[in-house]
Amino acid sequence: TVSLYDFKDNAIVLDFSTAWCYYCQAAAFESQ
């Protein structure tokens, strides 16, 4: 279990995606 608040004090990008979405896959490809 991971909490959003585990990363408090960091700037956060919260990316809501789906596996079947092409642009989500493009974002995942660049996320690292």
Full PDB file with SEQRES, HELIX, SHEET, SSBOND, CRYST1, ORIGX, SCALE, CONECT and MASTER records, all heavy atoms in Angstrom:
SEQRES   1 A   32  THR VAL SER LEU TYR ASP PHE LYS ASP ASN ALA ILE VAL          
SEQRES   2 A   32  LEU ASP PHE SER THR ALA TRP CYS TYR TYR CYS GLN ALA          
SEQRES   3 A   32  ALA ALA PHE GLU SER GLN                                      
HELIX    1 AA1 LEU A    4  PHE A    7  5                                   4    
HELIX    2 AA2 TYR A   22  SER A   31  1                                  10    
CRYST1    1.000    1.000    1.000  90.00  90.00  90.00 P 1           1          
ORIGX1      1.000000  0.000000  0.000000        0.00000                         
ORIGX2      0.000000  1.000000  0.000000        0.00000                         
ORIGX3      0.000000  0.000000  1.000000        0.00000                         
SCALE1      1.000000  0.000000  0.000000        0.00000                         
SCALE2      0.000000  1.000000  0.000000        0.00000                         
SCALE3      0.000000  0.000000  1.000000        0.00000                         
ATOM      1  N   THR A   1       0.842  -1.187   0.000  1.00  0.00           N  
ATOM      2  CA  THR A   1       0.000   0.000   0.000  1.00  0.00           C  
ATOM      3  C   THR A   1       0.882   1.243   0.000  1.00  0.00           C  
ATOM      4  O   THR A   1       1.817   1.359   0.788  1.00  0.00           O  
ATOM      5  CB  THR A   1      -0.922   0.016   1.241  1.00  0.00           C  
ATOM      6  OG1 THR A   1      -1.750  -1.140   1.193  1.00  0.00           O  
ATOM      7  CG2 THR A   1      -1.798   1.266   1.253  1.00  0.00           C  
ATOM      8  N   VAL A   2       0.587   2.147  -0.917  1.00  0.00           N  
ATOM      9  CA  VAL A   2       1.326   3.394  -1.051  1.00  0.00           C  
ATOM     10  C   VAL A   2       0.330   4.534  -0.901  1.00  0.00           C  
ATOM     11  O   VAL A   2      -0.749   4.510  -1.484  1.00  0.00           O  
ATOM     12  CB  VAL A   2       2.037   3.473  -2.422  1.00  0.00           C  
ATOM     13  CG1 VAL A   2       2.723   4.809  -2.608  1.00  0.00           C  
ATOM     14  CG2 VAL A   2       3.031   2.335  -2.571  1.00  0.00           C  
ATOM     15  N   SER A   3       0.710   5.532  -0.116  1.00  0.00           N  
ATOM     16  CA  SER A   3      -0.134   6.696   0.116  1.00  0.00           C  
ATOM     17  C   SER A   3       0.424   7.886  -0.650  1.00  0.00           C  
ATOM     18  O   SER A   3       1.645   8.063  -0.726  1.00  0.00           O  
ATOM     19  CB  SER A   3      -0.150   7.004   1.620  1.00  0.00           C  
ATOM     20  OG  SER A   3      -0.659   8.297   1.867  1.00  0.00           O  
ATOM     21  N   LEU A   4      -0.455   8.718  -1.178  1.00  0.00           N  
ATOM     22  CA  LEU A   4      -0.008   9.957  -1.812  1.00  0.00           C  
ATOM     23  C   LEU A   4       0.814  10.775  -0.822  1.00  0.00           C  
ATOM     24  O   LEU A   4       1.819  11.376  -1.171  1.00  0.00           O  
ATOM     25  CB  LEU A   4      -1.226  10.759  -2.295  1.00  0.00           C  
ATOM     26  CG  LEU A   4      -0.955  12.116  -2.944  1.00  0.00           C  
ATOM     27  CD1 LEU A   4      -0.111  11.953  -4.203  1.00  0.00           C  
ATOM     28  CD2 LEU A   4      -2.264  12.810  -3.270  1.00  0.00           C  
ATOM     29  N   TYR A   5       0.415  10.742   0.448  1.00  0.00           N  
ATOM     30  CA  TYR A   5       1.088  11.533   1.477  1.00  0.00           C  
ATOM     31  C   TYR A   5       2.447  10.962   1.888  1.00  0.00           C  
ATOM     32  O   TYR A   5       3.177  11.597   2.634  1.00  0.00           O  
ATOM     33  CB  TYR A   5       0.166  11.737   2.678  1.00  0.00           C  
ATOM     34  CG  TYR A   5      -0.843  12.829   2.382  1.00  0.00           C  
ATOM     35  CD1 TYR A   5      -1.983  12.571   1.636  1.00  0.00           C  
ATOM     36  CD2 TYR A   5      -0.613  14.126   2.808  1.00  0.00           C  
ATOM     37  CE1 TYR A   5      -2.878  13.578   1.333  1.00  0.00           C  
ATOM     38  CE2 TYR A   5      -1.506  15.136   2.509  1.00  0.00           C  
ATOM     39  CZ  TYR A   5      -2.627  14.858   1.771  1.00  0.00           C  
ATOM     40  OH  TYR A   5      -3.495  15.866   1.468  1.00  0.00           O  
ATOM     41  N   ASP A   6       2.805   9.788   1.363  1.00  0.00           N  
ATOM     42  CA  ASP A   6       4.167   9.273   1.559  1.00  0.00           C  
ATOM     43  C   ASP A   6       5.179  10.198   0.886  1.00  0.00           C  
ATOM     44  O   ASP A   6       6.361  10.168   1.207  1.00  0.00           O  
ATOM     45  CB  ASP A   6       4.327   7.867   0.958  1.00  0.00           C  
ATOM     46  CG  ASP A   6       3.571   6.790   1.712  1.00  0.00           C  
ATOM     47  OD1 ASP A   6       3.153   7.034   2.866  1.00  0.00           O  
ATOM     48  OD2 ASP A   6       3.369   5.699   1.127  1.00  0.00           O  
ATOM     49  N   PHE A   7       4.703  11.010  -0.058  1.00  0.00           N  
ATOM     50  CA  PHE A   7       5.585  11.861  -0.859  1.00  0.00           C  
ATOM     51  C   PHE A   7       5.431  13.342  -0.524  1.00  0.00           C  
ATOM     52  O   PHE A   7       5.864  14.195  -1.290  1.00  0.00           O  
ATOM     53  CB  PHE A   7       5.342  11.595  -2.351  1.00  0.00           C  
ATOM     54  CG  PHE A   7       5.449  10.134  -2.656  1.00  0.00           C  
ATOM     55  CD1 PHE A   7       4.316   9.351  -2.800  1.00  0.00           C  
ATOM     56  CD2 PHE A   7       6.690   9.527  -2.741  1.00  0.00           C  
ATOM     57  CE1 PHE A   7       4.413   7.993  -3.042  1.00  0.00           C  
ATOM     58  CE2 PHE A   7       6.800   8.169  -2.983  1.00  0.00           C  
ATOM     59  CZ  PHE A   7       5.660   7.402  -3.124  1.00  0.00           C  
ATOM     60  N   LYS A   8       4.824  13.631   0.634  1.00  0.00           N  
ATOM     61  CA  LYS A   8       4.698  15.015   1.097  1.00  0.00           C  
ATOM     62  C   LYS A   8       6.110  15.612   1.146  1.00  0.00           C  
ATOM     63  O   LYS A   8       7.067  14.916   1.406  1.00  0.00           O  
ATOM     64  CB  LYS A   8       4.051  15.067   2.478  1.00  0.00           C  
ATOM     65  CG  LYS A   8       3.799  16.489   2.951  1.00  0.00           C  
ATOM     66  CD  LYS A   8       3.176  16.484   4.329  1.00  0.00           C  
ATOM     67  CE  LYS A   8       2.899  17.872   4.822  1.00  0.00           C  
ATOM     68  NZ  LYS A   8       4.015  18.794   4.815  1.00  0.00           N  
ATOM     69  N   ASP A   9       6.222  16.862   0.887  1.00  0.00           N  
ATOM     70  CA  ASP A   9       7.491  17.603   0.794  1.00  0.00           C  
ATOM     71  C   ASP A   9       8.155  17.446  -0.564  1.00  0.00           C  
ATOM     72  O   ASP A   9       9.210  18.018  -0.797  1.00  0.00           O  
ATOM     73  CB  ASP A   9       8.478  17.258   1.916  1.00  0.00           C  
ATOM     74  CG  ASP A   9       7.920  17.586   3.301  1.00  0.00           C  
ATOM     75  OD1 ASP A   9       7.169  18.582   3.417  1.00  0.00           O  
ATOM     76  OD2 ASP A   9       8.218  16.846   4.238  1.00  0.00           O  
ATOM     77  N   ASN A  10       7.577  16.656  -1.467  1.00  0.00           N  
ATOM     78  CA  ASN A  10       8.039  16.576  -2.854  1.00  0.00           C  
ATOM     79  C   ASN A  10       7.017  17.275  -3.736  1.00  0.00           C  
ATOM     80  O   ASN A  10       5.833  17.324  -3.398  1.00  0.00           O  
ATOM     81  CB  ASN A  10       8.139  15.122  -3.329  1.00  0.00           C  
ATOM     82  CG  ASN A  10       9.427  14.471  -2.916  1.00  0.00           C  
ATOM     83  OD1 ASN A  10      10.280  15.072  -2.283  1.00  0.00           O  
ATOM     84  ND2 ASN A  10       9.579  13.212  -3.288  1.00  0.00           N  
ATOM     85  N   ALA A  11       7.456  17.780  -4.864  1.00  0.00           N  
ATOM     86  CA  ALA A  11       6.536  18.188  -5.919  1.00  0.00           C  
ATOM     87  C   ALA A  11       6.078  16.899  -6.588  1.00  0.00           C  
ATOM     88  O   ALA A  11       6.882  15.987  -6.793  1.00  0.00           O  
ATOM     89  CB  ALA A  11       7.244  19.101  -6.902  1.00  0.00           C  
ATOM     90  N   ILE A  12       4.800  16.809  -6.914  1.00  0.00           N  
ATOM     91  CA  ILE A  12       4.239  15.549  -7.409  1.00  0.00           C  
ATOM     92  C   ILE A  12       3.474  15.774  -8.705  1.00  0.00           C  
ATOM     93  O   ILE A  12       2.698  16.726  -8.817  1.00  0.00           O  
ATOM     94  CB  ILE A  12       3.276  14.931  -6.361  1.00  0.00           C  
ATOM     95  CG1 ILE A  12       4.012  14.636  -5.052  1.00  0.00           C  
ATOM     96  CG2 ILE A  12       2.591  13.683  -6.906  1.00  0.00           C  
ATOM     97  CD1 ILE A  12       3.092  14.278  -3.901  1.00  0.00           C  
ATOM     98  N   VAL A  13       3.676  14.876  -9.650  1.00  0.00           N  
ATOM     99  CA  VAL A  13       2.791  14.763 -10.803  1.00  0.00           C  
ATOM    100  C   VAL A  13       1.996  13.493 -10.583  1.00  0.00           C  
ATOM    101  O   VAL A  13       2.559  12.413 -10.384  1.00  0.00           O  
ATOM    102  CB  VAL A  13       3.565  14.675 -12.128  1.00  0.00           C  
ATOM    103  CG1 VAL A  13       2.647  14.221 -13.255  1.00  0.00           C  
ATOM    104  CG2 VAL A  13       4.164  16.014 -12.476  1.00  0.00           C  
ATOM    105  N   LEU A  14       0.684  13.637 -10.576  1.00  0.00           N  
ATOM    106  CA  LEU A  14      -0.227  12.518 -10.405  1.00  0.00           C  
ATOM    107  C   LEU A  14      -0.880  12.283 -11.766  1.00  0.00           C  
ATOM    108  O   LEU A  14      -1.687  13.103 -12.230  1.00  0.00           O  
ATOM    109  CB  LEU A  14      -1.255  12.872  -9.331  1.00  0.00           C  
ATOM    110  CG  LEU A  14      -2.162  11.796  -8.788  1.00  0.00           C  
ATOM    111  CD1 LEU A  14      -1.373  10.605  -8.258  1.00  0.00           C  
ATOM    112  CD2 LEU A  14      -3.033  12.372  -7.684  1.00  0.00           C  
ATOM    113  N   ASP A  15      -0.483  11.199 -12.422  1.00  0.00           N  
ATOM    114  CA  ASP A  15      -0.886  10.888 -13.796  1.00  0.00           C  
ATOM    115  C   ASP A  15      -1.944   9.788 -13.756  1.00  0.00           C  
ATOM    116  O   ASP A  15      -1.645   8.649 -13.432  1.00  0.00           O  
ATOM    117  CB  ASP A  15       0.378  10.448 -14.554  1.00  0.00           C  
ATOM    118  CG  ASP A  15       0.128   9.783 -15.889  1.00  0.00           C  
ATOM    119  OD1 ASP A  15      -1.029   9.571 -16.295  1.00  0.00           O  
ATOM    120  OD2 ASP A  15       1.140   9.442 -16.541  1.00  0.00           O  
ATOM    121  N   PHE A  16      -3.193  10.159 -14.047  1.00  0.00           N  
ATOM    122  CA  PHE A  16      -4.275   9.173 -14.121  1.00  0.00           C  
ATOM    123  C   PHE A  16      -4.352   8.672 -15.553  1.00  0.00           C  
ATOM    124  O   PHE A  16      -4.633   9.439 -16.478  1.00  0.00           O  
ATOM    125  CB  PHE A  16      -5.611   9.794 -13.704  1.00  0.00           C  
ATOM    126  CG  PHE A  16      -5.698  10.096 -12.237  1.00  0.00           C  
ATOM    127  CD1 PHE A  16      -5.405  11.367 -11.764  1.00  0.00           C  
ATOM    128  CD2 PHE A  16      -6.054   9.113 -11.329  1.00  0.00           C  
ATOM    129  CE1 PHE A  16      -5.481  11.654 -10.408  1.00  0.00           C  
ATOM    130  CE2 PHE A  16      -6.132   9.393  -9.969  1.00  0.00           C  
ATOM    131  CZ  PHE A  16      -5.846  10.661  -9.508  1.00  0.00           C  
ATOM    132  N   SER A  17      -4.085   7.379 -15.752  1.00  0.00           N  
ATOM    133  CA  SER A  17      -4.017   6.795 -17.078  1.00  0.00           C  
ATOM    134  C   SER A  17      -4.763   5.472 -17.130  1.00  0.00           C  
ATOM    135  O   SER A  17      -5.149   4.917 -16.099  1.00  0.00           O  
ATOM    136  CB  SER A  17      -2.550   6.535 -17.462  1.00  0.00           C  
ATOM    137  OG  SER A  17      -1.882   7.733 -17.770  1.00  0.00           O  
ATOM    138  N   THR A  18      -4.910   4.953 -18.346  1.00  0.00           N  
ATOM    139  CA  THR A  18      -5.411   3.601 -18.570  1.00  0.00           C  
ATOM    140  C   THR A  18      -4.436   2.904 -19.517  1.00  0.00           C  
ATOM    141  O   THR A  18      -3.732   3.563 -20.288  1.00  0.00           O  
ATOM    142  CB  THR A  18      -6.819   3.603 -19.210  1.00  0.00           C  
ATOM    143  OG1 THR A  18      -6.728   4.185 -20.503  1.00  0.00           O  
ATOM    144  CG2 THR A  18      -7.822   4.335 -18.346  1.00  0.00           C  
ATOM    145  N   ALA A  19      -4.414   1.587 -19.448  1.00  0.00           N  
ATOM    146  CA  ALA A  19      -3.494   0.826 -20.295  1.00  0.00           C  
ATOM    147  C   ALA A  19      -3.873   0.920 -21.769  1.00  0.00           C  
ATOM    148  O   ALA A  19      -3.001   0.947 -22.634  1.00  0.00           O  
ATOM    149  CB  ALA A  19      -3.463  -0.632 -19.851  1.00  0.00           C  
ATOM    150  N   TRP A  20      -5.148   1.011 -22.072  1.00  0.00           N  
ATOM    151  CA  TRP A  20      -5.612   0.979 -23.451  1.00  0.00           C  
ATOM    152  C   TRP A  20      -5.506   2.327 -24.177  1.00  0.00           C  
ATOM    153  O   TRP A  20      -5.723   2.404 -25.380  1.00  0.00           O  
ATOM    154  CB  TRP A  20      -7.059   0.471 -23.519  1.00  0.00           C  
ATOM    155  CG  TRP A  20      -7.996   1.114 -22.535  1.00  0.00           C  
ATOM    156  CD1 TRP A  20      -8.362   0.610 -21.314  1.00  0.00           C  
ATOM    157  CD2 TRP A  20      -8.671   2.368 -22.666  1.00  0.00           C  
ATOM    158  NE1 TRP A  20      -9.223   1.471 -20.681  1.00  0.00           N  
ATOM    159  CE2 TRP A  20      -9.439   2.565 -21.494  1.00  0.00           C  
ATOM    160  CE3 TRP A  20      -8.713   3.343 -23.659  1.00  0.00           C  
ATOM    161  CZ2 TRP A  20     -10.221   3.683 -21.286  1.00  0.00           C  
ATOM    162  CZ3 TRP A  20      -9.500   4.467 -23.451  1.00  0.00           C  
ATOM    163  CH2 TRP A  20     -10.243   4.622 -22.285  1.00  0.00           C  
ATOM    164  N   CYS A  21      -5.151   3.377 -23.463  1.00  0.00           N  
ATOM    165  CA  CYS A  21      -5.086   4.726 -24.026  1.00  0.00           C  
ATOM    166  C   CYS A  21      -3.707   4.976 -24.648  1.00  0.00           C  
ATOM    167  O   CYS A  21      -2.683   4.864 -23.968  1.00  0.00           O  
ATOM    168  CB  CYS A  21      -5.381   5.727 -22.908  1.00  0.00           C  
ATOM    169  SG  CYS A  21      -4.758   7.384 -23.158  1.00  0.00           S  
ATOM    170  N   TYR A  22      -3.684   5.316 -25.941  1.00  0.00           N  
ATOM    171  CA  TYR A  22      -2.422   5.545 -26.650  1.00  0.00           C  
ATOM    172  C   TYR A  22      -1.595   6.651 -25.993  1.00  0.00           C  
ATOM    173  O   TYR A  22      -0.390   6.507 -25.791  1.00  0.00           O  
ATOM    174  CB  TYR A  22      -2.692   5.890 -28.122  1.00  0.00           C  
ATOM    175  CG  TYR A  22      -1.453   6.356 -28.838  1.00  0.00           C  
ATOM    176  CD1 TYR A  22      -0.517   5.423 -29.284  1.00  0.00           C  
ATOM    177  CD2 TYR A  22      -1.195   7.711 -29.028  1.00  0.00           C  
ATOM    178  CE1 TYR A  22       0.652   5.841 -29.923  1.00  0.00           C  
ATOM    179  CE2 TYR A  22      -0.034   8.136 -29.661  1.00  0.00           C  
ATOM    180  CZ  TYR A  22       0.881   7.191 -30.105  1.00  0.00           C  
ATOM    181  OH  TYR A  22       2.033   7.607 -30.723  1.00  0.00           O  
ATOM    182  N   TYR A  23      -2.223   7.787 -25.660  1.00  0.00           N  
ATOM    183  CA  TYR A  23      -1.476   8.914 -25.091  1.00  0.00           C  
ATOM    184  C   TYR A  23      -0.990   8.600 -23.676  1.00  0.00           C  
ATOM    185  O   TYR A  23       0.032   9.125 -23.238  1.00  0.00           O  
ATOM    186  CB  TYR A  23      -2.315  10.197 -25.137  1.00  0.00           C  
ATOM    187  CG  TYR A  23      -2.560  10.624 -26.561  1.00  0.00           C  
ATOM    188  CD1 TYR A  23      -3.780  10.397 -27.170  1.00  0.00           C  
ATOM    189  CD2 TYR A  23      -1.540  11.204 -27.306  1.00  0.00           C  
ATOM    190  CE1 TYR A  23      -3.996  10.757 -28.498  1.00  0.00           C  
ATOM    191  CE2 TYR A  23      -1.736  11.562 -28.636  1.00  0.00           C  
ATOM    192  CZ  TYR A  23      -2.972  11.338 -29.219  1.00  0.00           C  
ATOM    193  OH  TYR A  23      -3.169  11.685 -30.536  1.00  0.00           O  
ATOM    194  N   CYS A  24      -1.702   7.725 -22.980  1.00  0.00           N  
ATOM    195  CA  CYS A  24      -1.244   7.258 -21.665  1.00  0.00           C  
ATOM    196  C   CYS A  24       0.036   6.434 -21.829  1.00  0.00           C  
ATOM    197  O   CYS A  24       0.959   6.529 -21.021  1.00  0.00           O  
ATOM    198  CB  CYS A  24      -2.314   6.417 -20.975  1.00  0.00           C  
ATOM    199  SG  CYS A  24      -3.873   7.285 -20.687  1.00  0.00           S  
ATOM    200  N   GLN A  25       0.071   5.625 -22.875  1.00  0.00           N  
ATOM    201  CA  GLN A  25       1.264   4.829 -23.157  1.00  0.00           C  
ATOM    202  C   GLN A  25       2.437   5.739 -23.524  1.00  0.00           C  
ATOM    203  O   GLN A  25       3.569   5.498 -23.097  1.00  0.00           O  
ATOM    204  CB  GLN A  25       0.982   3.834 -24.273  1.00  0.00           C  
ATOM    205  CG  GLN A  25      -0.022   2.767 -23.875  1.00  0.00           C  
ATOM    206  CD  GLN A  25      -0.413   1.874 -25.041  1.00  0.00           C  
ATOM    207  OE1 GLN A  25       0.317   1.733 -26.019  1.00  0.00           O  
ATOM    208  NE2 GLN A  25      -1.587   1.264 -24.937  1.00  0.00           N  
ATOM    209  N   ALA A  26       2.153   6.795 -24.285  1.00  0.00           N  
ATOM    210  CA  ALA A  26       3.211   7.751 -24.641  1.00  0.00           C  
ATOM    211  C   ALA A  26       3.760   8.415 -23.382  1.00  0.00           C  
ATOM    212  O   ALA A  26       4.971   8.589 -23.234  1.00  0.00           O  
ATOM    213  CB  ALA A  26       2.669   8.797 -25.616  1.00  0.00           C  
ATOM    214  N   ALA A  27       2.865   8.774 -22.452  1.00  0.00           N  
ATOM    215  CA  ALA A  27       3.292   9.383 -21.185  1.00  0.00           C  
ATOM    216  C   ALA A  27       4.115   8.384 -20.372  1.00  0.00           C  
ATOM    217  O   ALA A  27       5.147   8.737 -19.794  1.00  0.00           O  
ATOM    218  CB  ALA A  27       2.081   9.867 -20.384  1.00  0.00           C  
ATOM    219  N   ALA A  28       3.666   7.125 -20.322  1.00  0.00           N  
ATOM    220  CA  ALA A  28       4.401   6.092 -19.572  1.00  0.00           C  
ATOM    221  C   ALA A  28       5.798   5.907 -20.156  1.00  0.00           C  
ATOM    222  O   ALA A  28       6.767   5.740 -19.411  1.00  0.00           O  
ATOM    223  CB  ALA A  28       3.638   4.773 -19.595  1.00  0.00           C  
ATOM    224  N   PHE A  29       5.903   5.971 -21.486  1.00  0.00           N  
ATOM    225  CA  PHE A  29       7.188   5.818 -22.157  1.00  0.00           C  
ATOM    226  C   PHE A  29       8.179   6.892 -21.710  1.00  0.00           C  
ATOM    227  O   PHE A  29       9.363   6.636 -21.580  1.00  0.00           O  
ATOM    228  CB  PHE A  29       6.993   5.868 -23.678  1.00  0.00           C  
ATOM    229  CG  PHE A  29       8.252   5.671 -24.452  1.00  0.00           C  
ATOM    230  CD1 PHE A  29       8.847   4.424 -24.538  1.00  0.00           C  
ATOM    231  CD2 PHE A  29       8.863   6.741 -25.094  1.00  0.00           C  
ATOM    232  CE1 PHE A  29      10.021   4.236 -25.254  1.00  0.00           C  
ATOM    233  CE2 PHE A  29      10.041   6.570 -25.806  1.00  0.00           C  
ATOM    234  CZ  PHE A  29      10.615   5.311 -25.883  1.00  0.00           C  
ATOM    235  N   GLU A  30       7.700   8.113 -21.425  1.00  0.00           N  
ATOM    236  CA  GLU A  30       8.576   9.213 -21.009  1.00  0.00           C  
ATOM    237  C   GLU A  30       8.652   9.406 -19.493  1.00  0.00           C  
ATOM    238  O   GLU A  30       9.465  10.197 -19.019  1.00  0.00           O  
ATOM    239  CB  GLU A  30       8.108  10.516 -21.671  1.00  0.00           C  
ATOM    240  CG  GLU A  30       8.312  10.505 -23.161  1.00  0.00           C  
ATOM    241  CD  GLU A  30       8.102  11.869 -23.795  1.00  0.00           C  
ATOM    242  OE1 GLU A  30       8.401  12.884 -23.138  1.00  0.00           O  
ATOM    243  OE2 GLU A  30       7.646  11.893 -24.949  1.00  0.00           O  
ATOM    244  N   SER A  31       7.818   8.712 -18.746  1.00  0.00           N  
ATOM    245  CA  SER A  31       7.716   8.961 -17.299  1.00  0.00           C  
ATOM    246  C   SER A  31       9.030   8.751 -16.549  1.00  0.00           C  
ATOM    247  O   SER A  31       9.379   9.559 -15.683  1.00  0.00           O  
ATOM    248  CB  SER A  31       6.612   8.100 -16.673  1.00  0.00           C  
ATOM    249  OG  SER A  31       6.918   6.724 -16.772  1.00  0.00           O  
ATOM    250  N   GLN A  32       9.774   7.703 -16.866  1.00  0.00           N  
ATOM    251  CA  GLN A  32      11.033   7.448 -16.148  1.00  0.00           C  
ATOM    252  C   GLN A  32      12.065   8.528 -16.453  1.00  0.00           C  
ATOM    253  O   GLN A  32      12.778   8.986 -15.562  1.00  0.00           O  
ATOM    254  CB  GLN A  32      11.595   6.061 -16.470  1.00  0.00           C  
ATOM    255  CG  GLN A  32      12.793   5.677 -15.621  1.00  0.00           C  
ATOM    256  CD  GLN A  32      12.457   5.641 -14.136  1.00  0.00           C  
ATOM    257  OE1 GLN A  32      11.536   4.955 -13.711  1.00  0.00           O  
ATOM    258  NE2 GLN A  32      13.208   6.383 -13.326  1.00  0.00           N  
TER     259      GLN A  32                                                      
MASTER        0    0    0    2    0    0    0    6  258    1    0    3          
END                                                                             
